[in-house]
Amino acid sequence: MIACQGSDLEKMDVISQANLPDEVSKGVTLTYSDSGRVKRVLVAPVVHKYTTDTSYTLFPEGLDAQFYNSKGKLETRLTCGYGLTGANNDDLIFRKNVIIKNKKNETIMSEEIYLRDSTIYSDSTVYILTPTITLRGTSLEAPRDFSTYKLNNPVGVARTEAFKNSKD
């Protein structure tokens, strides 16, 4: 006969309510506007909202974000595998295979990008692909519409298509 000695409950991790989100939503589309004009639209498969202590929102399975100019035209599109917004939804952090595309057919790729005060920042390795060149740098600063950019320690490689077009 085998007898039980003690309780395994003491060894088990206790799930704390503080670690769980206050709200969980699935299949979400969030539209942010100012004075009746759409500024951005975020589409995510799962959203976790936390409101205790500090308020923030997690997108643990990634998101697709569309950013619009003051005239309501789509300027920039972003996809990533993980996202986080601050309390006022002004500061955004994007991680895991971040890809940003603008209307000039240019693409930024990085593992982590921040959006603060209508400016894109990254302190991670950044790749910029244009129709004629691929650039790599150690950090980035650009306006939200990705119309211009400042790339630190850039290294570039021209694509063969650029040479073909320059001969024409």
Protein backbone atom coordinates (compact mmCIF):
# COMPACT_ATOMS: atom_id res chain seq x y z
CA MET A 1 0.00 0.00 0.00
CA ILE A 2 1.29 3.41 -0.96
CA ALA A 3 0.49 6.39 1.21
CA CYS A 4 0.42 10.04 0.14
CA GLN A 5 2.88 12.29 1.85
CA GLY A 6 2.25 16.01 1.72
CA SER A 7 0.58 17.98 -0.98
CA ASP A 8 1.86 18.76 -4.44
CA LEU A 9 -0.22 21.94 -4.38
CA GLU A 10 2.63 23.66 -2.60
CA LYS A 11 4.91 22.88 -5.54
CA MET A 12 2.52 24.11 -8.21
CA ASP A 13 2.82 27.60 -9.62
CA VAL A 14 -0.17 29.69 -8.71
CA ILE A 15 -1.66 31.64 -11.56
CA SER A 16 -1.90 35.25 -10.54
CA GLN A 17 -4.79 37.42 -11.68
CA ALA A 18 -2.27 40.27 -12.11
CA ASN A 19 -0.65 38.41 -15.04
CA LEU A 20 -3.86 37.93 -16.97
CA PRO A 21 -5.27 40.55 -19.33
CA ASP A 22 -8.40 42.44 -18.30
CA GLU A 23 -9.87 41.97 -21.78
CA VAL A 24 -9.17 39.48 -24.56
CA SER A 25 -10.63 40.02 -28.01
CA LYS A 26 -10.32 37.96 -31.19
CA GLY A 27 -10.62 39.05 -34.82
CA VAL A 28 -10.30 42.75 -34.00
CA THR A 29 -10.24 45.84 -36.22
CA LEU A 30 -9.37 49.08 -34.37
CA THR A 31 -9.87 52.38 -36.16
CA TYR A 32 -8.20 55.49 -34.71
CA SER A 33 -9.43 58.88 -35.86
CA ASP A 34 -8.93 62.53 -35.05
CA SER A 35 -11.57 65.16 -35.83
CA GLY A 36 -13.49 62.63 -37.93
CA ARG A 37 -10.50 61.61 -40.05
CA VAL A 38 -9.05 58.12 -39.91
CA LYS A 39 -5.41 58.17 -38.77
CA ARG A 40 -4.75 54.43 -38.59
CA VAL A 41 -6.46 51.06 -38.69
CA LEU A 42 -5.07 48.07 -36.79
CA VAL A 43 -6.25 44.56 -37.60
CA ALA A 44 -5.22 41.74 -35.25
CA PRO A 45 -6.23 38.12 -34.65
CA VAL A 46 -5.93 38.55 -30.84
CA VAL A 47 -5.81 41.62 -28.59
CA HIS A 48 -4.98 41.63 -24.86
CA LYS A 49 -5.89 44.80 -22.97
CA TYR A 50 -4.41 45.53 -19.55
CA THR A 51 -5.86 48.31 -17.40
CA THR A 52 -4.49 47.71 -13.90
CA ASP A 53 -1.55 49.84 -12.74
CA THR A 54 -0.53 50.96 -16.25
CA SER A 55 -2.82 50.75 -19.24
CA TYR A 56 -1.50 49.08 -22.39
CA THR A 57 -2.59 46.78 -25.19
CA LEU A 58 -0.76 43.72 -26.54
CA PHE A 59 -1.08 42.12 -29.94
CA PRO A 60 0.59 38.77 -29.12
CA GLU A 61 -0.12 37.17 -32.51
CA GLY A 62 0.83 40.19 -34.57
CA LEU A 63 -1.07 42.83 -36.47
CA ASP A 64 -1.57 44.59 -39.76
CA ALA A 65 -1.56 48.41 -39.47
CA GLN A 66 -2.56 50.94 -42.10
CA PHE A 67 -1.59 54.60 -41.65
CA TYR A 68 -3.45 57.40 -43.46
CA ASN A 69 -2.51 61.00 -44.27
CA SER A 70 -4.65 64.06 -43.41
CA LYS A 71 -6.58 63.63 -46.69
CA GLY A 72 -7.56 60.04 -45.86
CA LYS A 73 -5.18 58.43 -48.35
CA LEU A 74 -3.30 55.28 -47.37
CA GLU A 75 0.36 56.23 -46.88
CA THR A 76 1.99 53.30 -45.13
CA ARG A 77 1.23 49.67 -44.30
CA LEU A 78 2.92 47.69 -41.54
CA THR A 79 2.83 44.02 -40.57
CA CYS A 80 4.53 42.34 -37.62
CA GLY A 81 4.39 39.28 -35.38
CA TYR A 82 3.94 41.18 -32.08
CA GLY A 83 2.73 44.64 -31.10
CA LEU A 84 2.34 46.78 -27.98
CA THR A 85 0.63 50.15 -27.52
CA GLY A 86 1.04 52.59 -24.64
CA ALA A 87 -1.70 54.07 -22.49
CA ASN A 88 -2.84 56.72 -24.99
CA ASN A 89 -2.24 54.51 -28.04
CA ASP A 90 0.30 57.09 -29.22
CA ASP A 91 3.46 55.05 -28.62
CA LEU A 92 3.58 51.77 -30.53
CA ILE A 93 6.19 49.02 -30.43
CA PHE A 94 6.33 46.47 -33.22
CA ARG A 95 8.46 43.30 -33.03
CA LYS A 96 9.06 40.03 -34.86
CA ASN A 97 9.54 40.39 -38.60
CA VAL A 98 8.37 44.00 -38.92
CA ILE A 99 7.70 45.04 -42.53
CA ILE A 100 6.70 48.57 -43.52
CA LYS A 101 5.73 49.47 -47.10
CA ASN A 102 5.06 52.93 -48.46
CA LYS A 103 3.34 54.23 -51.58
CA LYS A 104 6.72 54.67 -53.37
CA ASN A 105 7.23 50.87 -53.43
CA GLU A 106 9.88 51.02 -50.69
CA THR A 107 10.07 48.53 -47.83
CA ILE A 108 11.62 48.68 -44.34
CA MET A 109 12.36 45.39 -42.60
CA SER A 110 13.55 45.01 -38.99
CA GLU A 111 12.99 42.94 -35.88
CA GLU A 112 11.87 45.93 -33.81
CA ILE A 113 10.43 49.33 -34.71
CA TYR A 114 8.91 52.06 -32.54
CA LEU A 115 6.34 54.64 -33.57
CA ARG A 116 6.32 57.74 -31.37
CA ASP A 117 4.97 61.22 -32.16
CA SER A 118 4.45 60.36 -35.85
CA THR A 119 8.08 59.22 -36.17
CA ILE A 120 9.39 55.72 -36.87
CA TYR A 121 12.49 54.67 -34.89
CA SER A 122 14.58 51.52 -34.75
CA ASP A 123 17.74 50.65 -32.86
CA SER A 124 17.91 47.22 -34.49
CA THR A 125 19.41 46.26 -37.82
CA VAL A 126 17.23 47.73 -40.55
CA TYR A 127 16.93 46.82 -44.23
CA ILE A 128 15.46 49.22 -46.76
CA LEU A 129 14.49 47.83 -50.15
CA THR A 130 13.80 50.24 -53.00
CA PRO A 131 13.23 49.42 -56.66
CA THR A 132 16.93 50.05 -57.35
CA ILE A 133 18.92 49.38 -54.17
CA THR A 134 18.95 47.44 -50.92
CA LEU A 135 20.32 49.24 -47.86
CA ARG A 136 21.26 47.92 -44.44
CA GLY A 137 21.88 50.07 -41.37
CA THR A 138 22.21 49.88 -37.60
CA SER A 139 19.31 52.23 -36.77
CA LEU A 140 16.61 54.28 -38.44
CA GLU A 141 14.56 57.43 -38.02
CA ALA A 142 11.76 58.33 -40.46
CA PRO A 143 8.42 60.12 -40.54
CA ARG A 144 5.37 57.89 -40.18
CA ASP A 145 4.68 57.99 -43.91
CA PHE A 146 8.23 56.72 -44.58
CA SER A 147 8.64 59.43 -47.24
CA THR A 148 12.24 60.10 -46.15
CA TYR A 149 14.57 58.35 -43.74
CA LYS A 150 17.82 58.66 -41.85
CA LEU A 151 19.72 55.37 -41.78
CA ASN A 152 22.81 55.11 -39.55
CA ASN A 153 25.90 53.21 -40.76
CA PRO A 154 24.35 52.41 -44.14
CA VAL A 155 25.69 49.76 -46.46
CA GLY A 156 24.05 49.47 -49.87
CA VAL A 157 23.91 46.98 -52.68
CA ALA A 158 22.48 48.00 -56.05
CA ARG A 159 20.19 45.50 -57.72
CA THR A 160 20.87 44.28 -61.23
CA GLU A 161 17.56 45.79 -62.37
CA ALA A 162 19.02 49.23 -61.58
CA PHE A 163 21.88 48.67 -64.01
CA LYS A 164 19.50 47.45 -66.72
CA ASN A 165 17.30 50.52 -66.30
CA SER A 166 20.27 52.92 -66.33
CA LYS A 167 21.34 51.61 -69.78
CA ASP A 168 17.90 52.35 -71.27
